Protein backbone atom coordinates (compact mmCIF):
# COMPACT_ATOMS: atom_id res chain seq x y z
CA MET A 1 25.33 -0.40 -23.41
CA ARG A 2 25.20 -1.64 -19.22
CA ILE A 3 22.14 -0.72 -17.70
CA ILE A 4 21.33 -1.33 -13.91
CA HIS A 5 17.58 -0.51 -12.89
CA PHE A 6 17.34 -0.07 -9.03
CA VAL A 7 14.05 -0.23 -7.75
CA GLU A 8 12.47 -1.08 -4.01
CA ASN A 9 11.52 -4.47 -5.20
CA LEU A 10 10.31 -6.65 -7.41
CA GLU A 11 6.18 -7.63 -6.18
CA ARG A 12 3.84 -8.02 -8.65
CA GLY A 13 2.27 -4.29 -10.20
CA GLY A 14 1.94 -2.13 -12.56
CA LEU A 15 5.71 -0.61 -12.08
CA GLU A 16 7.30 -3.72 -11.61
CA ARG A 17 6.08 -5.20 -14.89
CA THR A 18 7.22 -1.69 -16.47
CA VAL A 19 10.69 -2.58 -15.34
CA ILE A 20 10.26 -6.30 -16.63
CA ASP A 21 8.79 -5.36 -19.82
CA LEU A 22 11.56 -2.53 -20.46
CA ILE A 23 14.57 -4.73 -19.68
CA ALA A 24 13.38 -7.59 -22.34
CA ALA A 25 13.46 -5.02 -25.06
CA GLN A 26 16.77 -3.34 -23.69
CA ARG A 27 18.35 -6.91 -23.90
CA ASP A 28 16.58 -7.99 -27.25
CA ALA A 29 18.17 -4.55 -28.16
CA GLY A 30 21.41 -6.00 -27.16
CA HIS A 31 22.05 -4.43 -23.97
CA ASP A 32 23.18 -5.90 -20.27
CA CYS A 33 20.78 -5.45 -17.90
CA ARG A 34 20.65 -6.33 -14.24
CA VAL A 35 18.57 -5.42 -11.28
CA VAL A 36 19.16 -3.93 -7.76
CA CYS A 37 16.35 -4.03 -5.43
CA LEU A 38 16.67 -1.52 -1.93
CA PHE A 39 14.24 -3.79 -0.40
CA GLU A 40 13.72 -7.80 -0.78
CA PRO A 41 13.70 -9.53 -4.24
CA GLY A 42 9.91 -9.63 -4.75
CA LEU A 43 7.88 -12.29 -6.11
CA LEU A 44 8.85 -11.40 -9.65
CA ALA A 45 12.50 -11.59 -9.32
CA ALA A 46 12.39 -15.42 -10.24
CA GLU A 47 10.97 -14.13 -13.65
CA LEU A 48 14.03 -12.21 -14.60
CA ALA A 49 16.20 -14.77 -12.73
CA ALA A 50 14.89 -17.26 -14.89
CA GLN A 51 15.65 -15.43 -18.40
CA GLY A 52 19.33 -14.88 -16.90
CA VAL A 53 19.18 -11.44 -15.29
CA GLU A 54 21.11 -10.97 -12.59
CA VAL A 55 18.52 -9.37 -9.64
CA GLU A 56 20.66 -8.44 -6.23
CA ALA A 57 18.99 -6.89 -3.09
CA CYS A 58 20.07 -5.11 -0.66
CA ARG A 59 17.50 -6.42 2.23
CA LYS A 60 17.32 -2.61 3.71
CA ARG A 61 15.75 -2.41 6.82
CA THR A 62 13.67 0.16 8.46
CA GLY A 63 14.81 3.60 8.95
CA PHE A 64 18.44 4.05 7.83
CA ASP A 65 20.04 1.04 6.97
CA TRP A 66 24.03 1.28 6.78
CA GLN A 67 24.57 -2.12 6.06
CA ALA A 68 21.82 -1.92 3.05
CA MET A 69 23.69 1.56 1.53
CA ARG A 70 27.12 -0.52 1.77
CA ARG A 71 25.53 -3.33 -0.26
CA ALA A 72 23.98 -1.03 -2.70
CA ARG A 73 27.54 0.72 -3.24
CA ALA A 74 29.59 -2.42 -3.78
CA LEU A 75 27.14 -3.72 -6.47
CA LEU A 76 27.22 -0.62 -8.17
CA ARG A 77 30.62 -0.72 -8.04
CA ARG A 78 30.74 -3.83 -10.09
CA ASN A 79 29.69 -1.67 -13.37
CA PRO A 80 31.80 1.11 -13.93
CA GLY A 81 29.96 3.00 -16.73
CA ALA A 82 26.36 2.32 -16.38
CA VAL A 83 23.50 4.01 -17.12
CA LEU A 84 22.07 4.10 -13.54
CA HIS A 85 17.89 3.89 -13.86
CA THR A 86 15.84 4.32 -11.04
CA HIS A 87 12.21 3.60 -10.16
CA ASN A 88 10.22 6.15 -8.10
CA ALA A 89 11.55 8.48 -5.34
CA SER A 90 12.32 6.16 -2.67
CA ALA A 91 14.99 3.96 -4.59
CA HIS A 92 16.20 7.03 -6.69
CA TYR A 93 17.35 9.07 -3.46
CA HIS A 94 19.05 5.69 -1.86
CA ALA A 95 20.37 4.88 -5.37
CA VAL A 96 21.99 8.33 -5.71
CA SER A 97 23.53 8.17 -2.14
CA ALA A 98 24.99 5.11 -2.90
CA ALA A 99 26.39 5.82 -5.94
CA TRP A 100 27.93 9.49 -4.92
CA GLY A 101 31.04 9.71 -6.83
CA LEU A 102 31.25 6.50 -8.66
CA PRO A 103 31.84 6.59 -12.81
CA LEU A 104 28.29 6.53 -14.01
CA ALA A 105 27.34 7.18 -17.69
CA CYS A 106 24.20 8.31 -17.02
CA VAL A 107 21.37 8.38 -13.73
CA VAL A 108 18.09 8.20 -14.43
CA ASN A 109 14.90 8.27 -12.50
CA THR A 110 11.19 7.02 -13.49
CA ARG A 111 8.57 8.34 -11.21
CA HIS A 112 5.64 5.81 -12.26
CA GLY A 113 2.69 7.94 -10.90
CA MET A 114 1.96 11.49 -9.68
CA GLY A 115 4.17 11.60 -6.51
CA ALA A 116 3.37 12.41 -2.85
CA ALA A 117 -0.12 14.85 -2.07
CA ASP A 118 2.23 16.74 -0.06
CA PRO A 119 5.31 17.47 -1.76
CA GLY A 120 6.78 18.97 1.64
CA ARG A 121 6.92 15.61 2.74
CA ARG A 122 10.43 13.74 3.91
CA LYS A 123 10.59 11.83 1.27
CA GLU A 124 9.66 14.19 -1.61
CA TRP A 125 12.36 16.53 0.27
CA LEU A 126 15.34 14.13 -0.24
CA TYR A 127 13.78 13.25 -3.81
CA ARG A 128 14.16 16.68 -4.41
CA ARG A 129 17.60 17.30 -2.82
CA SER A 130 19.01 14.26 -5.09
CA MET A 131 18.41 16.22 -8.10
CA GLY A 132 22.03 17.35 -8.39
CA ALA A 133 23.53 14.29 -9.25
CA THR A 134 20.59 13.45 -11.82
CA ASP A 135 20.58 13.81 -15.41
CA TYR A 136 17.01 13.41 -16.03
CA VAL A 137 13.72 12.65 -14.38
CA ILE A 138 10.96 10.62 -16.54
CA ALA A 139 7.46 11.39 -16.09
CA VAL A 140 4.95 8.51 -17.25
CA CYS A 141 2.27 10.81 -18.26
CA GLU A 142 2.06 14.80 -19.27
CA ALA A 143 0.22 15.55 -16.05
CA ALA A 144 2.68 14.53 -13.74
CA ARG A 145 5.46 16.00 -15.74
CA GLU A 146 3.40 19.48 -15.41
CA ARG A 147 3.05 18.56 -11.60
CA PHE A 148 6.82 17.55 -10.69
CA ALA A 149 7.58 20.66 -12.38
CA ARG A 150 5.40 22.97 -10.27
CA GLN A 151 6.94 21.20 -7.21
CA GLY A 152 10.32 22.13 -8.15
CA VAL A 153 11.58 19.20 -9.56
CA GLN A 154 15.25 19.99 -11.75
CA PRO A 155 17.03 17.31 -12.53
CA ARG A 156 20.39 18.57 -14.19
CA THR A 157 19.50 17.92 -17.73
CA ALA A 158 15.46 17.67 -18.13
CA LEU A 159 12.09 16.83 -16.85
CA LEU A 160 10.54 15.09 -19.77
CA SER A 161 7.68 12.53 -19.99
CA ILE A 162 7.77 8.72 -21.70
CA PRO A 163 4.63 6.74 -21.27
CA ASN A 164 4.49 3.07 -20.00
CA GLY A 165 4.24 0.16 -22.67
CA ILE A 166 2.85 -3.16 -21.89
CA ARG A 167 3.29 -6.39 -24.53
CA VAL A 168 0.08 -5.96 -26.37
CA GLU A 169 0.67 -9.35 -28.35
CA ARG A 170 -0.18 -10.94 -25.44
CA PHE A 171 -3.89 -9.50 -25.83
CA ALA A 172 -6.72 -10.81 -27.95
CA ALA A 173 -10.14 -8.76 -28.58
CA ALA A 174 -12.59 -9.36 -26.47
CA GLY A 175 -15.33 -11.33 -28.20
CA ILE A 176 -18.69 -12.97 -27.82
CA GLU A 177 -17.63 -16.79 -27.13
CA ALA A 178 -15.02 -15.78 -24.32
CA ARG A 179 -17.62 -13.88 -22.63
CA ALA A 180 -19.78 -16.76 -22.69
CA ALA A 181 -16.83 -19.13 -21.35
CA LEU A 182 -15.99 -16.23 -18.64
CA ALA A 183 -19.45 -16.34 -17.50
CA ALA A 184 -19.78 -19.92 -17.39
CA GLU A 185 -16.38 -20.10 -15.37
CA LEU A 186 -17.13 -17.47 -12.76
CA GLY A 187 -21.12 -19.10 -12.10
CA TRP A 188 -23.21 -16.34 -13.66
CA PRO A 189 -26.01 -16.94 -16.14
CA ALA A 190 -25.62 -16.83 -20.20
CA GLY A 191 -26.20 -13.12 -21.06
CA SER A 192 -24.70 -11.24 -18.17
CA ARG A 193 -22.94 -7.98 -18.92
CA ILE A 194 -19.54 -8.57 -17.36
CA VAL A 195 -17.86 -5.02 -16.27
CA GLY A 196 -14.23 -5.53 -15.29
CA THR A 197 -11.55 -3.84 -13.29
CA VAL A 198 -7.94 -4.54 -12.33
CA GLY A 199 -5.72 -3.14 -9.75
CA ARG A 200 -4.45 -3.28 -6.08
CA LEU A 201 -7.35 -3.41 -3.65
CA HIS A 202 -6.11 -0.19 -1.85
CA PRO A 203 -8.46 2.65 -1.17
CA VAL A 204 -6.70 4.99 -3.71
CA LYS A 205 -7.95 2.82 -6.66
CA ASP A 206 -11.41 3.27 -4.98
CA GLN A 207 -13.12 0.10 -6.04
CA ARG A 208 -15.60 0.63 -3.08
CA LEU A 209 -17.22 3.18 -5.56
CA LEU A 210 -17.40 0.62 -7.88
CA LEU A 211 -19.38 -1.29 -5.94
CA HIS A 212 -22.17 1.29 -5.56
CA ALA A 213 -21.97 2.11 -8.92
CA LEU A 214 -22.81 -1.58 -9.82
CA ARG A 215 -25.70 -1.08 -7.34
CA ALA A 216 -26.91 1.50 -9.21
CA LEU A 217 -26.17 0.32 -12.84
CA ARG A 218 -28.31 -2.83 -11.93
CA ALA A 219 -31.83 -1.40 -11.09
CA THR A 220 -31.71 -0.68 -14.87
CA LEU A 221 -29.68 -3.64 -15.99
CA PRO A 222 -29.67 -6.48 -14.23
CA GLN A 223 -27.70 -8.47 -16.53
CA ALA A 224 -24.79 -6.44 -15.03
CA VAL A 225 -21.94 -8.35 -12.75
CA LEU A 226 -18.82 -7.47 -11.65
CA ALA A 227 -14.94 -9.07 -11.76
CA ILE A 228 -12.47 -7.77 -9.68
CA VAL A 229 -8.98 -8.65 -10.65
CA GLY A 230 -6.55 -7.51 -7.79
CA ASP A 231 -5.73 -8.43 -4.44
CA GLY A 232 -4.75 -6.18 -1.72
CA GLU A 233 -5.19 -4.66 2.00
CA MET A 234 -8.51 -3.75 1.28
CA ARG A 235 -10.43 -6.83 0.32
CA SER A 236 -11.88 -7.65 3.52
CA GLU A 237 -13.45 -4.53 3.68
CA LEU A 238 -14.52 -4.71 -0.09
CA GLU A 239 -16.15 -8.13 0.46
CA ARG A 240 -18.08 -7.17 3.79
CA GLU A 241 -19.28 -3.77 1.74
CA THR A 242 -20.32 -6.15 -1.33
CA ASP A 243 -22.68 -8.49 1.10
CA GLU A 244 -23.91 -5.20 2.75
CA LEU A 245 -24.83 -4.05 -0.50
CA GLY A 246 -26.70 -7.31 -1.43
CA LEU A 247 -24.23 -7.63 -4.25
CA ARG A 248 -22.35 -10.80 -3.65
CA PRO A 249 -23.85 -13.10 -5.90
CA TRP A 250 -22.98 -10.45 -8.69
CA VAL A 251 -19.53 -9.62 -7.52
CA ARG A 252 -16.26 -12.01 -8.02
CA PHE A 253 -12.96 -11.47 -6.31
CA LEU A 254 -10.47 -13.10 -8.44
CA GLY A 255 -7.09 -12.06 -6.52
CA ASP A 256 -3.71 -11.59 -7.83
CA ARG A 257 -3.68 -13.49 -11.08
CA ASP A 258 -1.40 -14.50 -13.76
CA ASP A 259 -4.00 -14.76 -16.52
CA VAL A 260 -5.25 -11.29 -16.96
CA PRO A 261 -5.08 -11.15 -20.69
CA ARG A 262 -7.54 -14.41 -20.67
CA LEU A 263 -9.67 -12.52 -18.02
CA LEU A 264 -9.95 -9.26 -20.14
CA ALA A 265 -11.27 -10.93 -23.20
CA GLY A 266 -13.95 -12.06 -21.32
CA MET A 267 -15.24 -9.01 -20.42
CA GLU A 268 -17.79 -6.42 -21.84
CA ALA A 269 -16.29 -3.45 -20.84
CA PHE A 270 -13.71 -2.04 -18.47
CA ALA A 271 -13.82 0.37 -15.41
CA LEU A 272 -10.98 2.23 -13.35
CA PRO A 273 -12.72 4.21 -10.88
CA SER A 274 -9.22 5.87 -9.23
CA ARG A 275 -8.77 8.78 -6.87
CA SER A 276 -5.12 9.18 -8.37
CA GLU A 277 -3.44 7.73 -11.55
CA GLY A 278 -0.16 7.88 -13.35
CA TYR A 279 -0.04 6.28 -16.64
CA SER A 280 -2.30 3.06 -15.90
CA ILE A 281 -1.08 -0.39 -17.18
CA ALA A 282 -4.66 -1.45 -16.41
CA LEU A 283 -5.77 1.01 -18.73
CA LEU A 284 -3.22 -0.04 -21.46
CA GLU A 285 -3.81 -3.12 -21.34
CA ALA A 286 -8.15 -3.08 -21.60
CA CYS A 287 -7.00 -0.98 -24.61
CA ALA A 288 -5.19 -4.09 -25.88
CA ALA A 289 -8.13 -6.38 -25.32
CA ALA A 290 -10.33 -3.94 -27.22
CA LEU A 291 -12.77 -2.97 -24.02
CA PRO A 292 -14.56 0.11 -24.07
CA ILE A 293 -13.68 1.91 -20.54
CA VAL A 294 -14.92 4.38 -18.20
CA ALA A 295 -12.53 6.09 -15.88
CA THR A 296 -12.06 8.90 -13.90
CA ASP A 297 -10.85 12.06 -15.04
CA VAL A 298 -7.71 11.82 -12.92
CA GLY A 299 -3.79 12.18 -13.52
CA GLY A 300 -2.66 10.65 -16.56
CA ASN A 301 -6.02 8.79 -17.72
CA ARG A 302 -7.48 11.70 -20.32
CA GLU A 303 -3.86 10.48 -21.93
CA ILE A 304 -5.67 7.05 -22.84
CA VAL A 305 -8.79 7.59 -22.99
CA ARG A 306 -10.48 9.80 -24.76
CA ASP A 307 -13.71 10.60 -23.48
CA GLY A 308 -16.94 9.77 -26.49
CA CYS A 309 -13.65 7.87 -28.54
CA ASN A 310 -12.66 4.85 -26.89
CA GLY A 311 -14.27 5.27 -23.68
CA ARG A 312 -15.78 7.66 -21.23
CA LEU A 313 -14.29 10.00 -18.16
CA VAL A 314 -15.95 10.76 -15.14
CA ALA A 315 -15.44 12.77 -12.25
CA ALA A 316 -13.41 10.81 -9.17
CA GLY A 317 -15.89 9.81 -6.17
CA ASP A 318 -19.27 9.93 -8.47
CA ALA A 319 -20.96 6.73 -8.21
CA ASP A 320 -24.03 7.57 -10.12
CA ALA A 321 -21.64 9.12 -13.12
CA LEU A 322 -19.39 6.02 -13.00
CA ALA A 323 -22.99 4.07 -13.51
CA GLY A 324 -24.16 6.23 -15.78
CA ALA A 325 -21.33 6.40 -18.27
CA LEU A 326 -20.58 2.26 -17.91
CA ARG A 327 -25.15 2.24 -19.00
CA ASP A 328 -24.30 4.17 -21.92
CA LEU A 329 -21.44 1.92 -23.33
CA LEU A 330 -23.65 -1.11 -22.58
CA ALA A 331 -26.63 0.23 -24.12
CA SER A 332 -25.37 0.09 -27.63
CA GLU A 333 -22.88 -3.01 -28.63
CA ASP A 334 -21.70 -1.42 -31.45
CA ARG A 335 -21.25 1.71 -30.56
CA ALA A 336 -18.95 -0.33 -27.60
CA ARG A 337 -17.01 -2.46 -30.19
CA SER A 338 -16.34 0.66 -32.26
CA MET A 339 -14.77 2.59 -28.94
CA GLY A 340 -12.91 -0.90 -28.13
CA ARG A 341 -11.49 -0.72 -31.83
CA VAL A 342 -10.10 2.49 -31.69
CA GLY A 343 -8.19 1.66 -28.24
CA ARG A 344 -6.98 -1.30 -29.37
CA GLU A 345 -5.42 0.32 -32.99
CA TRP A 346 -4.12 3.14 -30.85
CA VAL A 347 -2.16 0.93 -28.03
CA PHE A 348 -0.81 -1.51 -30.80
CA ALA A 349 0.34 1.73 -32.47
CA GLU A 350 1.39 4.25 -29.37
CA GLY A 351 1.40 1.84 -26.18
CA THR A 352 3.86 -0.96 -26.82
CA PHE A 353 6.89 -1.58 -24.47
CA ARG A 354 9.48 -1.62 -27.86
CA THR A 355 8.12 2.19 -28.54
CA MET A 356 8.97 2.81 -24.46
CA ALA A 357 12.05 1.04 -24.89
CA SER A 358 13.45 2.86 -28.01
CA ARG A 359 12.33 6.45 -26.24
CA TYR A 360 14.52 5.20 -23.28
CA GLU A 361 17.51 4.21 -25.40
CA ARG A 362 17.41 7.44 -27.18
CA LEU A 363 17.68 8.97 -24.20
CA TYR A 364 20.26 7.06 -22.24
CA ALA A 365 22.64 7.97 -25.68
CA GLY A 366 22.08 11.59 -24.56
CA ASN A 367 19.34 12.68 -27.56
CA GLY A 368 16.74 13.32 -24.87
CA ARG A 369 15.04 16.41 -25.28
CA ALA A 370 13.32 18.85 -22.81
CA GLY A 371 9.58 19.02 -22.63
CA SER A 372 7.67 15.38 -23.86
CA LEU A 373 8.76 12.43 -25.63
CA ALA A 374 4.81 11.52 -25.04
CA PRO A 375 2.76 9.95 -28.15
CA GLU A 376 -0.65 11.36 -28.75
CA ALA A 377 -3.74 10.18 -26.98
CA ALA A 378 -6.30 7.97 -28.29
């Protein structure tokens, strides 16, 4: 089977990592995969090129760009009978426009988040207009699928949910020795209780809330420290707020890293304070590292974190609730380890990239069914 993945770019992020892992599984199954980027290739393009995957860029400029559309059409025309698999809204309606009239086996779009807060935005309107040339739309969680259905997303065949998957074999279970090593590496004293988070430094991820939760947590648990993995537009503001809260000795901004599995193995608990989420890769990775989790109850988070089972869910925007849930997790090491084991067992059974790839392969072959292809939560 020939499969073209059409993305905005291959910068570092959850969507892009999911596409790369999906391509790896599809190639292992004998399929011919290639990638078309609407804009520039991005940082991760070299990773695919090193594996022999063709990556082409349309280099679209701001506004409507006829040259970029011509490049996209020429690239798609070279692959008659292919499955066209687009990722997110903008890449989708541009790809569908470029592919108009070309002989494609199937057109599939995956929405990797919850969509725009305002479905009346021009981008969402253009996206819905493209549904007449779309066979399947895939949401990455049931909460997103239901939301898109309410907003009138109606592809020709079905609106489904297929959760993301990760390379679970890259993750070792967190343990005492790794925690001691990470604390020493980051300049914290032995016995530090390391809470970690991974994600873009962006307002929707709300790491600011986590800083306020840490200050409240340290009032009763002074060993609590915070490792923030990721980079983005909010870094300067978050560093400034860290100083204003008097937390600088107890917070480390680790930036964009390629050793996330190693860092997770040295943490004791994982926090995700987002205001909005789809189906979080960061949460799947925390499960794979056997970390107990505190996450906000938004989007698809409750499809990964079952409250009281492998972690805790709290209301978005509530720093006190976040601090309290972290305090409860860290108060009982036995209970925290038990929660971590539950999450790890679940993600190894249901959250692998090969499981995700097999569900997409069934879909490409025409065996999709209306409703959901989602696993049960942890």
